[in-house]
Amino acid sequence: MDSTPDDTLALHAVAMRRIAAALGPSLADADDLAQDVWLAARDAAPPERATMGTWLAGVTRRVAASARRAARRSEEQNGRAQD
């Protein structure tokens, strides 16, 4: 499996964080989301037809959606536990 070098990701760090900030409810969440994207992207490589920026934006959106689903499940479980 190919991986994305850290220096390539570093070139896109500001854009990743900007997208994460737009998708997250707070700056702290945006930082966490950007770190999760970094980790996910390090272990993968964009398809040959995709630009790095476009691919990272998609990874960021998918990681954000996954985080929202996890938060929603946690809230539902906590609500059921309190009943």
N, C-alpha and C. Protein backbone atom coordinates (compact mmCIF):
# COMPACT_ATOMS: atom_id res chain seq x y z
N MET A 1 0.84 -1.17 0.00
CA MET A 1 0.00 0.00 0.00
C MET A 1 0.89 1.24 0.00
N ASP A 2 0.55 2.21 -0.84
CA ASP A 2 1.27 3.48 -0.86
C ASP A 2 0.83 4.32 0.32
N SER A 3 1.68 5.25 0.72
CA SER A 3 1.29 6.16 1.78
C SER A 3 1.68 7.57 1.36
N THR A 4 1.09 8.54 2.03
CA THR A 4 1.33 9.93 1.73
C THR A 4 2.41 10.46 2.65
N PRO A 5 3.52 10.96 2.11
CA PRO A 5 4.62 11.46 2.97
C PRO A 5 4.18 12.67 3.80
N ASP A 6 4.75 12.75 5.00
CA ASP A 6 4.41 13.85 5.91
C ASP A 6 4.66 15.22 5.30
N ASP A 7 5.75 15.38 4.52
CA ASP A 7 6.04 16.69 3.95
C ASP A 7 4.98 17.11 2.95
N THR A 8 4.41 16.16 2.23
CA THR A 8 3.33 16.47 1.30
C THR A 8 2.09 16.90 2.06
N LEU A 9 1.78 16.20 3.15
CA LEU A 9 0.63 16.59 3.97
C LEU A 9 0.84 17.96 4.61
N ALA A 10 2.07 18.24 5.02
CA ALA A 10 2.36 19.52 5.66
C ALA A 10 2.06 20.69 4.72
N LEU A 11 2.27 20.50 3.44
CA LEU A 11 1.97 21.56 2.47
C LEU A 11 0.49 21.90 2.44
N HIS A 12 -0.35 20.97 2.84
CA HIS A 12 -1.80 21.16 2.80
C HIS A 12 -2.41 21.32 4.20
N ALA A 13 -1.59 21.46 5.21
CA ALA A 13 -2.09 21.50 6.60
C ALA A 13 -3.04 22.66 6.85
N VAL A 14 -2.73 23.84 6.32
CA VAL A 14 -3.59 25.00 6.54
C VAL A 14 -4.96 24.78 5.91
N ALA A 15 -4.97 24.26 4.71
CA ALA A 15 -6.25 24.00 4.04
C ALA A 15 -7.05 22.93 4.78
N MET A 16 -6.36 21.87 5.25
CA MET A 16 -7.06 20.82 6.02
C MET A 16 -7.71 21.42 7.26
N ARG A 17 -6.96 22.25 7.97
CA ARG A 17 -7.50 22.84 9.20
C ARG A 17 -8.65 23.80 8.90
N ARG A 18 -8.56 24.54 7.80
CA ARG A 18 -9.62 25.47 7.42
C ARG A 18 -10.91 24.70 7.12
N ILE A 19 -10.80 23.62 6.39
CA ILE A 19 -11.98 22.80 6.10
C ILE A 19 -12.52 22.19 7.39
N ALA A 20 -11.63 21.69 8.24
CA ALA A 20 -12.05 21.11 9.51
C ALA A 20 -12.77 22.14 10.37
N ALA A 21 -12.29 23.38 10.37
CA ALA A 21 -12.93 24.44 11.17
C ALA A 21 -14.33 24.73 10.64
N ALA A 22 -14.50 24.65 9.33
CA ALA A 22 -15.83 24.89 8.75
C ALA A 22 -16.80 23.76 9.08
N LEU A 23 -16.27 22.56 9.30
CA LEU A 23 -17.12 21.40 9.56
C LEU A 23 -17.34 21.10 11.04
N GLY A 24 -16.45 21.61 11.89
CA GLY A 24 -16.53 21.30 13.31
C GLY A 24 -17.22 22.41 14.09
N PRO A 25 -17.81 22.07 15.22
CA PRO A 25 -18.53 23.07 16.02
C PRO A 25 -17.61 24.02 16.78
N SER A 26 -16.35 23.68 16.96
CA SER A 26 -15.44 24.56 17.70
C SER A 26 -14.03 24.43 17.15
N LEU A 27 -13.17 25.37 17.52
CA LEU A 27 -11.79 25.33 17.06
C LEU A 27 -11.06 24.11 17.63
N ALA A 28 -11.36 23.74 18.87
CA ALA A 28 -10.73 22.55 19.45
C ALA A 28 -11.14 21.31 18.67
N ASP A 29 -12.42 21.24 18.29
CA ASP A 29 -12.87 20.12 17.47
C ASP A 29 -12.19 20.13 16.11
N ALA A 30 -11.99 21.32 15.56
CA ALA A 30 -11.31 21.43 14.27
C ALA A 30 -9.88 20.92 14.36
N ASP A 31 -9.20 21.25 15.44
CA ASP A 31 -7.83 20.75 15.63
C ASP A 31 -7.82 19.23 15.73
N ASP A 32 -8.74 18.67 16.51
CA ASP A 32 -8.84 17.21 16.64
C ASP A 32 -9.14 16.57 15.29
N LEU A 33 -10.08 17.17 14.56
CA LEU A 33 -10.46 16.65 13.26
C LEU A 33 -9.27 16.69 12.29
N ALA A 34 -8.54 17.81 12.28
CA ALA A 34 -7.38 17.93 11.39
C ALA A 34 -6.32 16.87 11.73
N GLN A 35 -6.13 16.60 13.01
CA GLN A 35 -5.17 15.56 13.40
C GLN A 35 -5.64 14.18 12.96
N ASP A 36 -6.94 13.92 13.08
CA ASP A 36 -7.49 12.64 12.64
C ASP A 36 -7.34 12.48 11.12
N VAL A 37 -7.54 13.58 10.39
CA VAL A 37 -7.36 13.55 8.93
C VAL A 37 -5.90 13.26 8.60
N TRP A 38 -4.99 13.91 9.29
CA TRP A 38 -3.57 13.71 9.06
C TRP A 38 -3.22 12.22 9.22
N LEU A 39 -3.71 11.63 10.32
CA LEU A 39 -3.42 10.21 10.57
C LEU A 39 -4.02 9.31 9.50
N ALA A 40 -5.26 9.60 9.10
CA ALA A 40 -5.91 8.79 8.07
C ALA A 40 -5.18 8.93 6.73
N ALA A 41 -4.76 10.14 6.41
CA ALA A 41 -4.12 10.40 5.11
C ALA A 41 -2.71 9.83 5.06
N ARG A 42 -2.03 9.74 6.19
CA ARG A 42 -0.67 9.20 6.20
C ARG A 42 -0.64 7.75 5.73
N ASP A 43 -1.71 7.02 5.99
CA ASP A 43 -1.75 5.60 5.67
C ASP A 43 -2.38 5.30 4.32
N ALA A 44 -2.66 6.32 3.55
CA ALA A 44 -3.32 6.13 2.27
C ALA A 44 -2.65 7.02 1.23
N ALA A 45 -3.10 6.90 0.03
CA ALA A 45 -2.60 7.74 -1.05
C ALA A 45 -3.78 8.12 -1.94
N PRO A 46 -3.75 9.32 -2.47
CA PRO A 46 -4.87 9.71 -3.34
C PRO A 46 -4.84 8.90 -4.63
N PRO A 47 -6.01 8.70 -5.20
CA PRO A 47 -6.04 8.05 -6.51
C PRO A 47 -5.24 8.89 -7.51
N GLU A 48 -4.70 8.27 -8.52
CA GLU A 48 -3.87 8.99 -9.47
C GLU A 48 -4.61 10.12 -10.17
N ARG A 49 -5.90 9.99 -10.31
CA ARG A 49 -6.66 11.01 -11.03
C ARG A 49 -7.03 12.21 -10.15
N ALA A 50 -6.82 12.12 -8.85
CA ALA A 50 -7.21 13.19 -7.92
C ALA A 50 -6.01 14.07 -7.56
N THR A 51 -6.30 15.35 -7.37
CA THR A 51 -5.26 16.23 -6.84
C THR A 51 -5.20 16.03 -5.33
N MET A 52 -4.05 16.33 -4.75
CA MET A 52 -3.87 16.16 -3.30
C MET A 52 -4.89 16.99 -2.52
N GLY A 53 -5.09 18.23 -2.90
CA GLY A 53 -6.03 19.10 -2.18
C GLY A 53 -7.45 18.59 -2.22
N THR A 54 -7.89 18.16 -3.39
CA THR A 54 -9.25 17.63 -3.53
C THR A 54 -9.41 16.36 -2.72
N TRP A 55 -8.43 15.49 -2.78
CA TRP A 55 -8.48 14.24 -2.03
C TRP A 55 -8.52 14.50 -0.53
N LEU A 56 -7.66 15.42 -0.04
CA LEU A 56 -7.65 15.73 1.39
C LEU A 56 -8.96 16.36 1.84
N ALA A 57 -9.56 17.18 0.99
CA ALA A 57 -10.87 17.76 1.34
C ALA A 57 -11.90 16.66 1.51
N GLY A 58 -11.88 15.68 0.64
CA GLY A 58 -12.81 14.55 0.76
C GLY A 58 -12.54 13.73 2.01
N VAL A 59 -11.27 13.48 2.30
CA VAL A 59 -10.92 12.75 3.52
C VAL A 59 -11.41 13.52 4.74
N THR A 60 -11.23 14.83 4.73
CA THR A 60 -11.67 15.67 5.85
C THR A 60 -13.18 15.58 6.04
N ARG A 61 -13.92 15.66 4.95
CA ARG A 61 -15.39 15.55 5.06
C ARG A 61 -15.81 14.19 5.59
N ARG A 62 -15.15 13.12 5.14
CA ARG A 62 -15.51 11.78 5.61
C ARG A 62 -15.16 11.58 7.08
N VAL A 63 -14.01 12.08 7.50
CA VAL A 63 -13.62 11.95 8.91
C VAL A 63 -14.58 12.78 9.78
N ALA A 64 -14.97 13.96 9.31
CA ALA A 64 -15.92 14.79 10.07
C ALA A 64 -17.27 14.09 10.19
N ALA A 65 -17.74 13.50 9.10
CA ALA A 65 -19.02 12.78 9.14
C ALA A 65 -18.95 11.61 10.11
N SER A 66 -17.84 10.91 10.09
CA SER A 66 -17.66 9.78 11.01
C SER A 66 -17.66 10.25 12.46
N ALA A 67 -17.01 11.37 12.73
CA ALA A 67 -16.97 11.92 14.09
C ALA A 67 -18.37 12.35 14.54
N ARG A 68 -19.15 12.95 13.62
CA ARG A 68 -20.52 13.34 13.97
C ARG A 68 -21.37 12.11 14.29
N ARG A 69 -21.22 11.06 13.49
CA ARG A 69 -21.98 9.82 13.76
C ARG A 69 -21.60 9.23 15.12
N ALA A 70 -20.31 9.23 15.42
CA ALA A 70 -19.85 8.69 16.71
C ALA A 70 -20.40 9.52 17.86
N ALA A 71 -20.41 10.84 17.72
CA ALA A 71 -20.94 11.71 18.77
C ALA A 71 -22.43 11.48 18.96
N ARG A 72 -23.14 11.31 17.87
CA ARG A 72 -24.59 11.08 17.94
C ARG A 72 -24.88 9.74 18.63
N ARG A 73 -24.11 8.70 18.28
CA ARG A 73 -24.29 7.39 18.93
C ARG A 73 -24.01 7.50 20.43
N SER A 74 -22.97 8.23 20.78
CA SER A 74 -22.62 8.39 22.19
C SER A 74 -23.73 9.10 22.95
N GLU A 75 -24.27 10.16 22.34
CA GLU A 75 -25.38 10.89 22.99
C GLU A 75 -26.60 9.98 23.16
N GLU A 76 -26.90 9.18 22.12
CA GLU A 76 -28.04 8.27 22.22
C GLU A 76 -27.83 7.23 23.30
N GLN A 77 -26.63 6.69 23.40
CA GLN A 77 -26.33 5.71 24.43
C GLN A 77 -26.40 6.33 25.82
N ASN A 78 -25.90 7.54 25.96
CA ASN A 78 -25.97 8.21 27.25
C ASN A 78 -27.42 8.51 27.62
N GLY A 79 -28.22 8.87 26.66
CA GLY A 79 -29.65 9.13 26.91
C GLY A 79 -30.37 7.88 27.35
N ARG A 80 -30.04 6.75 26.75
CA ARG A 80 -30.67 5.48 27.12
C ARG A 80 -30.20 5.05 28.50
N ALA A 81 -28.95 5.33 28.83
CA ALA A 81 -28.41 4.92 30.13
C ALA A 81 -29.07 5.73 31.26
N GLN A 82 -29.47 6.95 30.97
CA GLN A 82 -30.08 7.80 32.00
C GLN A 82 -31.55 7.44 32.21
N ASP A 83 -32.18 6.80 31.25
CA ASP A 83 -33.61 6.45 31.38
C ASP A 83 -33.85 5.34 32.33
